[in-house]
C-alpha atoms as a PDB file:
ATOM      1  CA  MET A   1     -30.368  -0.898   4.579  1.00  0.00           C
ATOM      2  CA  THR A   2     -29.836   2.767   5.048  1.00  0.00           C
ATOM      3  CA  GLY A   3     -26.933   5.205   4.617  1.00  0.00           C
ATOM      4  CA  ARG A   4     -25.070   7.206   1.782  1.00  0.00           C
ATOM      5  CA  LEU A   5     -24.195   3.894   0.045  1.00  0.00           C
ATOM      6  CA  ALA A   6     -27.291   1.951   0.412  1.00  0.00           C
ATOM      7  CA  GLY A   7     -27.781  -0.146  -2.600  1.00  0.00           C
ATOM      8  CA  LYS A   8     -23.988   0.461  -4.167  1.00  0.00           C
ATOM      9  CA  VAL A   9     -21.985  -2.464  -4.735  1.00  0.00           C
ATOM     10  CA  ILE A  10     -18.346  -1.288  -4.449  1.00  0.00           C
ATOM     11  CA  ALA A  11     -15.249  -3.282  -5.193  1.00  0.00           C
ATOM     12  CA  VAL A  12     -12.383  -3.534  -2.590  1.00  0.00           C
ATOM     13  CA  THR A  13      -9.126  -4.765  -4.319  1.00  0.00           C
ATOM     14  CA  ARG A  14      -6.695  -4.142  -1.464  1.00  0.00           C
ATOM     15  CA  PRO A  15      -4.673  -7.298  -0.710  1.00  0.00           C
ATOM     16  CA  GLN A  16      -6.669  -9.761   1.342  1.00  0.00           C
ATOM     17  CA  ALA A  17      -4.927  -8.908   4.776  1.00  0.00           C
ATOM     18  CA  GLN A  18      -5.704  -5.026   4.308  1.00  0.00           C
ATOM     19  CA  ALA A  19      -9.130  -5.114   2.750  1.00  0.00           C
ATOM     20  CA  GLY A  20     -11.304  -5.466   6.199  1.00  0.00           C
ATOM     21  CA  PRO A  21     -11.282  -1.785   7.436  1.00  0.00           C
ATOM     22  CA  LEU A  22     -12.381  -0.353   4.283  1.00  0.00           C
ATOM     23  CA  ALA A  23     -14.824  -3.241   3.469  1.00  0.00           C
ATOM     24  CA  ALA A  24     -16.179  -2.643   7.043  1.00  0.00           C
ATOM     25  CA  ALA A  25     -16.505   1.290   6.370  1.00  0.00           C
ATOM     26  CA  ILE A  26     -18.424   0.645   3.203  1.00  0.00           C
ATOM     27  CA  ALA A  27     -20.923  -1.577   4.940  1.00  0.00           C
ATOM     28  CA  ALA A  28     -21.504   1.002   7.811  1.00  0.00           C
ATOM     29  CA  ALA A  29     -22.482   3.369   5.098  1.00  0.00           C
ATOM     30  CA  GLY A  30     -25.202   0.853   4.056  1.00  0.00           C
ATOM     31  CA  GLY A  31     -23.165  -0.374   0.849  1.00  0.00           C
ATOM     32  CA  GLU A  32     -21.954  -3.799  -0.168  1.00  0.00           C
ATOM     33  CA  ALA A  33     -18.350  -4.334  -0.166  1.00  0.00           C
ATOM     34  CA  PHE A  34     -17.320  -6.679  -3.106  1.00  0.00           C
ATOM     35  CA  CYS A  35     -13.885  -7.922  -1.979  1.00  0.00           C
ATOM     36  CA  PHE A  36     -11.369  -9.071  -4.916  1.00  0.00           C
ATOM     37  CA  PRO A  37      -7.841  -8.640  -4.118  1.00  0.00           C
ATOM     38  CA  LEU A  38      -5.728  -7.457  -7.175  1.00  0.00           C
ATOM     39  CA  LEU A  39      -2.739  -8.381  -5.420  1.00  0.00           C
ATOM     40  CA  ASP A  40      -1.955 -11.461  -4.324  1.00  0.00           C
ATOM     41  CA  ILE A  41       0.913 -11.392  -1.463  1.00  0.00           C
ATOM     42  CA  ALA A  42       3.223 -14.306  -0.528  1.00  0.00           C
ATOM     43  CA  PRO A  43       6.605 -14.626   1.269  1.00  0.00           C
ATOM     44  CA  ALA A  44       9.380 -13.880  -0.843  1.00  0.00           C
ATOM     45  CA  ASP A  45      10.737 -16.869  -3.056  1.00  0.00           C
ATOM     46  CA  ASP A  46      14.403 -16.424  -1.405  1.00  0.00           C
ATOM     47  CA  PRO A  47      14.096 -16.205   2.304  1.00  0.00           C
ATOM     48  CA  ALA A  48      18.086 -15.748   2.670  1.00  0.00           C
ATOM     49  CA  PRO A  49      18.215 -11.696   2.210  1.00  0.00           C
ATOM     50  CA  LEU A  50      15.466 -11.245   4.844  1.00  0.00           C
ATOM     51  CA  ALA A  51      17.491 -13.902   7.187  1.00  0.00           C
ATOM     52  CA  ALA A  52      20.695 -12.158   6.508  1.00  0.00           C
ATOM     53  CA  ALA A  53      19.167  -8.614   7.204  1.00  0.00           C
ATOM     54  CA  VAL A  54      17.645  -9.809  10.582  1.00  0.00           C
ATOM     55  CA  ALA A  55      20.969 -11.265  11.765  1.00  0.00           C
ATOM     56  CA  ARG A  56      22.725  -7.940  11.398  1.00  0.00           C
ATOM     57  CA  LEU A  57      19.744  -5.545  11.872  1.00  0.00           C
ATOM     58  CA  ALA A  58      21.520  -3.983  15.068  1.00  0.00           C
ATOM     59  CA  ASP A  59      23.981  -2.627  12.613  1.00  0.00           C
ATOM     60  CA  TYR A  60      21.514  -0.399  10.736  1.00  0.00           C
ATOM     61  CA  ASP A  61      20.563   3.126  11.911  1.00  0.00           C
ATOM     62  CA  PHE A  62      17.089   2.958   9.999  1.00  0.00           C
ATOM     63  CA  ALA A  63      14.678   0.292   9.353  1.00  0.00           C
ATOM     64  CA  ALA A  64      12.170   1.547   6.420  1.00  0.00           C
ATOM     65  CA  PHE A  65       9.051  -0.401   5.722  1.00  0.00           C
ATOM     66  CA  VAL A  66       7.296   0.348   2.336  1.00  0.00           C
ATOM     67  CA  SER A  67       3.736  -1.265   3.336  1.00  0.00           C
ATOM     68  CA  PRO A  68       1.794  -3.263   5.845  1.00  0.00           C
ATOM     69  CA  ASN A  69       2.609  -6.159   3.746  1.00  0.00           C
ATOM     70  CA  ALA A  70       6.538  -5.366   4.326  1.00  0.00           C
ATOM     71  CA  VAL A  71       5.812  -5.331   8.221  1.00  0.00           C
ATOM     72  CA  ASP A  72       3.727  -8.430   8.037  1.00  0.00           C
ATOM     73  CA  HIS A  73       6.349 -10.430   6.295  1.00  0.00           C
ATOM     74  CA  ALA A  74       9.566  -9.187   8.246  1.00  0.00           C
ATOM     75  CA  LEU A  75       8.317  -8.191  11.803  1.00  0.00           C
ATOM     76  CA  PRO A  76       7.599 -11.790  12.744  1.00  0.00           C
ATOM     77  CA  ALA A  77      11.429 -12.854  11.622  1.00  0.00           C
ATOM     78  CA  ILE A  78      12.846  -9.930  13.281  1.00  0.00           C
ATOM     79  CA  LEU A  79      11.460 -10.506  16.576  1.00  0.00           C
ATOM     80  CA  ARG A  80      12.138 -14.273  16.554  1.00  0.00           C
ATOM     81  CA  HIS A  81      15.569 -13.284  16.421  1.00  0.00           C
ATOM     82  CA  GLY A  82      15.623 -10.641  19.278  1.00  0.00           C
ATOM     83  CA  PRO A  83      13.710  -7.536  20.565  1.00  0.00           C
ATOM     84  CA  TRP A  84      13.911  -4.444  18.272  1.00  0.00           C
ATOM     85  CA  PRO A  85      17.328  -2.893  18.510  1.00  0.00           C
ATOM     86  CA  GLY A  86      17.572   0.133  20.668  1.00  0.00           C
ATOM     87  CA  GLY A  87      18.500   3.118  18.542  1.00  0.00           C
ATOM     88  CA  LEU A  88      17.012   1.618  15.153  1.00  0.00           C
ATOM     89  CA  GLN A  89      14.602   4.627  13.758  1.00  0.00           C
ATOM     90  CA  ALA A  90      11.561   2.509  12.185  1.00  0.00           C
ATOM     91  CA  LEU A  91      10.317   4.391   8.878  1.00  0.00           C
ATOM     92  CA  ALA A  92       6.980   4.079   7.469  1.00  0.00           C
ATOM     93  CA  VAL A  93       5.520   5.266   4.306  1.00  0.00           C
ATOM     94  CA  GLY A  94       1.818   5.680   5.641  1.00  0.00           C
ATOM     95  CA  PRO A  95      -0.598   5.269   8.454  1.00  0.00           C
ATOM     96  CA  GLY A  96      -1.304   1.530   7.705  1.00  0.00           C
ATOM     97  CA  THR A  97       2.287   0.754   8.216  1.00  0.00           C
ATOM     98  CA  VAL A  98       2.774   2.605  11.499  1.00  0.00           C
ATOM     99  CA  LYS A  99      -0.266   0.631  12.652  1.00  0.00           C
ATOM    100  CA  ALA A 100       1.030  -2.270  11.542  1.00  0.00           C
ATOM    101  CA  LEU A 101       4.451  -1.607  13.046  1.00  0.00           C
ATOM    102  CA  ALA A 102       2.834  -0.661  16.474  1.00  0.00           C
ATOM    103  CA  ALA A 103       0.752  -4.121  16.346  1.00  0.00           C
ATOM    104  CA  HIS A 104       4.325  -5.684  16.707  1.00  0.00           C
ATOM    105  CA  GLY A 105       5.368  -3.347  19.635  1.00  0.00           C
ATOM    106  CA  VAL A 106       7.371  -1.045  17.438  1.00  0.00           C
ATOM    107  CA  GLY A 107       6.523   2.640  18.069  1.00  0.00           C
ATOM    108  CA  ASP A 108       8.222   6.050  17.811  1.00  0.00           C
ATOM    109  CA  CYS A 109       7.734   5.413  14.202  1.00  0.00           C
ATOM    110  CA  LEU A 110       8.969   8.352  11.424  1.00  0.00           C
ATOM    111  CA  ALA A 111       6.190   8.827   9.060  1.00  0.00           C
ATOM    112  CA  PRO A 112       4.589  11.526   6.901  1.00  0.00           C
ATOM    113  CA  SER A 113       1.333  12.971   8.286  1.00  0.00           C
ATOM    114  CA  GLU A 114      -0.554  14.131   5.274  1.00  0.00           C
ATOM    115  CA  ARG A 115       0.380  12.495   1.962  1.00  0.00           C
ATOM    116  CA  PHE A 116       1.426   8.808   2.059  1.00  0.00           C
ATOM    117  CA  ASP A 117       4.164   7.984  -0.565  1.00  0.00           C
ATOM    118  CA  SER A 118       7.906   7.555  -0.813  1.00  0.00           C
ATOM    119  CA  GLU A 119       8.212  11.317  -1.820  1.00  0.00           C
ATOM    120  CA  ALA A 120       6.420  12.612   1.331  1.00  0.00           C
ATOM    121  CA  LEU A 121       8.551  10.285   3.607  1.00  0.00           C
ATOM    122  CA  LEU A 122      12.092  11.732   1.987  1.00  0.00           C
ATOM    123  CA  ASP A 123      10.555  15.281   2.436  1.00  0.00           C
ATOM    124  CA  LEU A 124      10.768  14.991   6.191  1.00  0.00           C
ATOM    125  CA  PRO A 125      13.529  16.662   7.846  1.00  0.00           C
ATOM    126  CA  GLY A 126      14.704  13.441   9.588  1.00  0.00           C
ATOM    127  CA  LEU A 127      15.904  12.113   6.112  1.00  0.00           C
ATOM    128  CA  ALA A 128      17.551  15.209   5.004  1.00  0.00           C
ATOM    129  CA  PRO A 129      20.945  14.634   3.670  1.00  0.00           C
ATOM    130  CA  THR A 130      22.703  16.022   6.619  1.00  0.00           C
ATOM    131  CA  GLN A 131      20.840  13.274   8.646  1.00  0.00           C
ATOM    132  CA  VAL A 132      21.421  10.289   6.582  1.00  0.00           C
ATOM    133  CA  ALA A 133      24.773  10.806   4.900  1.00  0.00           C
ATOM    134  CA  GLY A 134      27.013   7.847   5.985  1.00  0.00           C
ATOM    135  CA  ARG A 135      24.259   5.799   7.729  1.00  0.00           C
ATOM    136  CA  ARG A 136      23.004   2.441   7.230  1.00  0.00           C
ATOM    137  CA  VAL A 137      19.289   1.792   5.998  1.00  0.00           C
ATOM    138  CA  ALA A 138      17.517  -1.425   5.669  1.00  0.00           C
ATOM    139  CA  LEU A 139      14.755  -1.261   3.320  1.00  0.00           C
ATOM    140  CA  PHE A 140      11.896  -4.011   3.726  1.00  0.00           C
ATOM    141  CA  ARG A 141       9.802  -4.186   0.576  1.00  0.00           C
ATOM    142  CA  GLY A 142       8.138  -6.435  -2.065  1.00  0.00           C
ATOM    143  CA  ASP A 143       9.973  -7.663  -5.264  1.00  0.00           C
ATOM    144  CA  GLY A 144      10.266  -4.971  -7.760  1.00  0.00           C
ATOM    145  CA  GLY A 145       8.119  -1.960  -7.145  1.00  0.00           C
ATOM    146  CA  ARG A 146       9.612   1.729  -7.261  1.00  0.00           C
ATOM    147  CA  GLU A 147      13.218   2.495  -6.937  1.00  0.00           C
ATOM    148  CA  LEU A 148      12.683   6.061  -5.640  1.00  0.00           C
ATOM    149  CA  LEU A 149      13.134   5.493  -1.991  1.00  0.00           C
ATOM    150  CA  ALA A 150      16.375   3.423  -2.132  1.00  0.00           C
ATOM    151  CA  GLU A 151      17.930   5.628  -5.017  1.00  0.00           C
ATOM    152  CA  THR A 152      17.007   8.995  -3.316  1.00  0.00           C
ATOM    153  CA  LEU A 153      18.773   7.932   0.123  1.00  0.00           C
ATOM    154  CA  ARG A 154      21.761   6.332  -1.648  1.00  0.00           C
ATOM    155  CA  ALA A 155      21.934  10.029  -3.471  1.00  0.00           C
ATOM    156  CA  ARG A 156      21.852  11.413  -0.135  1.00  0.00           C
ATOM    157  CA  GLY A 157      24.917   9.508   1.034  1.00  0.00           C
ATOM    158  CA  ALA A 158      23.050   6.544   2.742  1.00  0.00           C
ATOM    159  CA  VAL A 159      23.982   3.118   2.642  1.00  0.00           C
ATOM    160  CA  VAL A 160      20.848   1.140   1.531  1.00  0.00           C
ATOM    161  CA  ASP A 161      20.307  -2.670   1.594  1.00  0.00           C
ATOM    162  CA  ALA A 162      17.021  -3.271  -0.259  1.00  0.00           C
ATOM    163  CA  ILE A 163      15.471  -6.383   1.229  1.00  0.00           C
ATOM    164  CA  PRO A 164      12.432  -8.390  -0.597  1.00  0.00           C
ATOM    165  CA  CYS A 165      10.546 -10.081   2.071  1.00  0.00           C
ATOM    166  CA  TYR A 166       7.418 -10.688   0.094  1.00  0.00           C
ATOM    167  CA  ARG A 167       6.428 -10.937  -3.705  1.00  0.00           C
ATOM    168  CA  ARG A 168       3.432  -9.581  -5.452  1.00  0.00           C
ATOM    169  CA  SER A 169       1.493 -11.223  -8.392  1.00  0.00           C
ATOM    170  CA  ALA A 170      -1.673 -10.820 -10.269  1.00  0.00           C
ATOM    171  CA  PRO A 171      -4.791 -13.055  -9.278  1.00  0.00           C
ATOM    172  CA  GLY A 172      -4.756 -16.338 -11.267  1.00  0.00           C
ATOM    173  CA  ASP A 173      -8.589 -16.131 -12.110  1.00  0.00           C
ATOM    174  CA  PHE A 174     -10.889 -13.131 -12.655  1.00  0.00           C
ATOM    175  CA  THR A 175     -13.902 -15.059 -13.215  1.00  0.00           C
ATOM    176  CA  VAL A 176     -15.457 -13.944 -10.090  1.00  0.00           C
ATOM    177  CA  LEU A 177     -14.955 -10.349 -10.704  1.00  0.00           C
ATOM    178  CA  ALA A 178     -15.800 -10.838 -14.436  1.00  0.00           C
ATOM    179  CA  ASP A 179     -19.077 -12.430 -13.481  1.00  0.00           C
ATOM    180  CA  ALA A 180     -19.952  -9.825 -10.782  1.00  0.00           C
ATOM    181  CA  ALA A 181     -23.746  -8.763 -11.804  1.00  0.00           C
ATOM    182  CA  ARG A 182     -23.035  -5.308 -10.936  1.00  0.00           C
ATOM    183  CA  LEU A 183     -20.306  -3.069  -9.405  1.00  0.00           C
ATOM    184  CA  ASP A 184     -21.022   0.501  -8.859  1.00  0.00           C
ATOM    185  CA  GLY A 185     -17.519   1.621  -8.021  1.00  0.00           C
ATOM    186  CA  ILE A 186     -14.119   0.338  -7.854  1.00  0.00           C
ATOM    187  CA  THR A 187     -11.518   1.285  -5.121  1.00  0.00           C
ATOM    188  CA  LEU A 188      -7.946   0.995  -6.293  1.00  0.00           C
ATOM    189  CA  SER A 189      -4.917   1.634  -4.025  1.00  0.00           C
ATOM    190  CA  SER A 190      -2.053   1.200  -6.328  1.00  0.00           C
ATOM    191  CA  SER A 191      -0.859   1.543  -9.970  1.00  0.00           C
ATOM    192  CA  GLU A 192       0.009  -2.236 -10.125  1.00  0.00           C
ATOM    193  CA  ALA A 193      -3.467  -3.341  -8.851  1.00  0.00           C
ATOM    194  CA  LEU A 194      -5.052  -0.914 -11.678  1.00  0.00           C
ATOM    195  CA  ARG A 195      -2.839  -2.379 -14.452  1.00  0.00           C
ATOM    196  CA  HIS A 196      -3.942  -6.043 -13.182  1.00  0.00           C
ATOM    197  CA  LEU A 197      -7.490  -4.810 -13.252  1.00  0.00           C
ATOM    198  CA  VAL A 198      -7.273  -3.646 -17.007  1.00  0.00           C
ATOM    199  CA  ALA A 199      -5.184  -6.828 -17.970  1.00  0.00           C
ATOM    200  CA  GLY A 200      -7.831  -8.990 -16.374  1.00  0.00           C
ATOM    201  CA  LEU A 201     -10.961  -7.505 -17.472  1.00  0.00           C
ATOM    202  CA  GLY A 202     -10.202  -5.345 -20.229  1.00  0.00           C
ATOM    203  CA  ILE A 203     -10.733  -1.397 -20.616  1.00  0.00           C
ATOM    204  CA  ALA A 204     -14.230  -1.929 -22.119  1.00  0.00           C
ATOM    205  CA  ARG A 205     -15.376  -3.523 -18.849  1.00  0.00           C
ATOM    206  CA  VAL A 206     -14.253  -1.074 -16.473  1.00  0.00           C
ATOM    207  CA  ARG A 207     -14.453   2.125 -18.481  1.00  0.00           C
ATOM    208  CA  ASP A 208     -17.929   3.145 -17.447  1.00  0.00           C
ATOM    209  CA  ILE A 209     -17.458   2.301 -13.557  1.00  0.00           C
ATOM    210  CA  PRO A 210     -16.102   4.943 -11.184  1.00  0.00           C
ATOM    211  CA  LEU A 211     -12.726   4.383 -10.073  1.00  0.00           C
ATOM    212  CA  PHE A 212     -11.780   5.928  -6.734  1.00  0.00           C
ATOM    213  CA  VAL A 213      -8.101   6.127  -6.239  1.00  0.00           C
ATOM    214  CA  PRO A 214      -6.292   7.663  -3.159  1.00  0.00           C
ATOM    215  CA  HIS A 215      -3.079   8.892  -5.126  1.00  0.00           C
ATOM    216  CA  ALA A 216      -2.535  11.396  -8.041  1.00  0.00           C
ATOM    217  CA  ARG A 217      -0.062   8.885  -9.420  1.00  0.00           C
ATOM    218  CA  ILE A 218      -2.801   6.257  -9.857  1.00  0.00           C
ATOM    219  CA  ALA A 219      -5.243   8.762 -11.282  1.00  0.00           C
ATOM    220  CA  GLU A 220      -2.643   9.763 -13.901  1.00  0.00           C
ATOM    221  CA  LEU A 221      -2.260   6.079 -15.215  1.00  0.00           C
ATOM    222  CA  ALA A 222      -6.026   5.418 -15.159  1.00  0.00           C
ATOM    223  CA  GLN A 223      -6.461   8.497 -17.661  1.00  0.00           C
ATOM    224  CA  ALA A 224      -3.420   7.318 -19.580  1.00  0.00           C
ATOM    225  CA  LEU A 225      -5.162   4.043 -20.015  1.00  0.00           C
ATOM    226  CA  GLY A 226      -8.117   5.819 -21.299  1.00  0.00           C
ATOM    227  CA  LEU A 227     -10.498   5.670 -18.316  1.00  0.00           C
ATOM    228  CA  THR A 228     -12.264   8.822 -17.540  1.00  0.00           C
ATOM    229  CA  ARG A 229     -14.661   8.114 -14.679  1.00  0.00           C
ATOM    230  CA  VAL A 230     -11.786   8.602 -12.156  1.00  0.00           C
ATOM    231  CA  ILE A 231     -12.136  10.265  -8.774  1.00  0.00           C
ATOM    232  CA  LEU A 232      -9.210  11.308  -7.030  1.00  0.00           C
ATOM    233  CA  THR A 233      -9.719  11.011  -3.130  1.00  0.00           C
ATOM    234  CA  PRO A 234      -7.763  12.005   0.014  1.00  0.00           C
ATOM    235  CA  PRO A 235      -5.141   9.522   1.047  1.00  0.00           C
ATOM    236  CA  ALA A 236      -5.759   6.119   2.575  1.00  0.00           C
ATOM    237  CA  ASP A 237      -8.827   4.384   3.436  1.00  0.00           C
ATOM    238  CA  GLN A 238     -10.387   7.285   5.056  1.00  0.00           C
ATOM    239  CA  GLY A 239      -9.986   9.238   1.706  1.00  0.00           C
ATOM    240  CA  LEU A 240     -11.316   6.371  -0.020  1.00  0.00           C
ATOM    241  CA  ILE A 241     -14.587   6.212   2.083  1.00  0.00           C
ATOM    242  CA  ASP A 242     -14.695  10.178   2.082  1.00  0.00           C
ATOM    243  CA  GLY A 243     -14.619  10.154  -1.564  1.00  0.00           C
ATOM    244  CA  LEU A 244     -17.342   7.424  -1.790  1.00  0.00           C
ATOM    245  CA  LEU A 245     -19.555   9.196   0.734  1.00  0.00           C
ATOM    246  CA  ALA A 246     -19.346  12.617  -1.415  1.00  0.00           C
ATOM    247  CA  TYR A 247     -19.717  11.322  -4.730  1.00  0.00           C
ATOM    248  CA  ASN A 248     -22.538  12.039  -6.582  1.00  0.00           C
ATOM    249  CA  TRP A 249     -24.092   8.664  -7.316  1.00  0.00           C
ATOM    250  CA  SER A 250     -27.056  10.082  -9.453  1.00  0.00           C
ATOM    251  CA  ALA A 251     -24.874  11.776 -12.216  1.00  0.00           C
END
């Protein structure tokens, strides 16, 4: 096998439904993708909040989706109820979420184009206080997670309903990952996944493995946990693969 990543085994820790593109890019560069989701995704325990939001979706001005998982667990229910309401502005945190919405036929999505996080979404002119004050926002998300998006929109005068449509949990068994004969690098796409990795394997097991992360917040947490081989890449899957390709593997 030839390519920049030839002979390298790279752990892909995205949720199972989102792991394919990054794994394929690693394979295309000659590497071996070792897929081990550090977040298990399942429907919300209580389906009532999602059902209630779907029933009154036309009353909202904005529908915000924090991740592709939010789209995958909310859009089927929305579209079973009826077509996407005219005049309802879709919001997305990043390109993966935009792509997931488009796959369901929802376009004209307001999303950041460079940084992909809640802060970047909130920086868009379309979500300025003058644009959201007094308007209603349906925020489709997982259980728990950051409150920044909801709290900031409320502070700007919006009425925000946070709707849990999926739940996240740590893997029940780390044996497969712990028994991996070799890992040359690990990709991590969320702080929660990083916490699960450290809890599941321990600091000593991962301290000497390069960790590739696409957001400064994840890098800061990794360093706070005592991990020093942390490579901050550009955003999203493309950023991770760019970071893997640029890394000096002989160092």
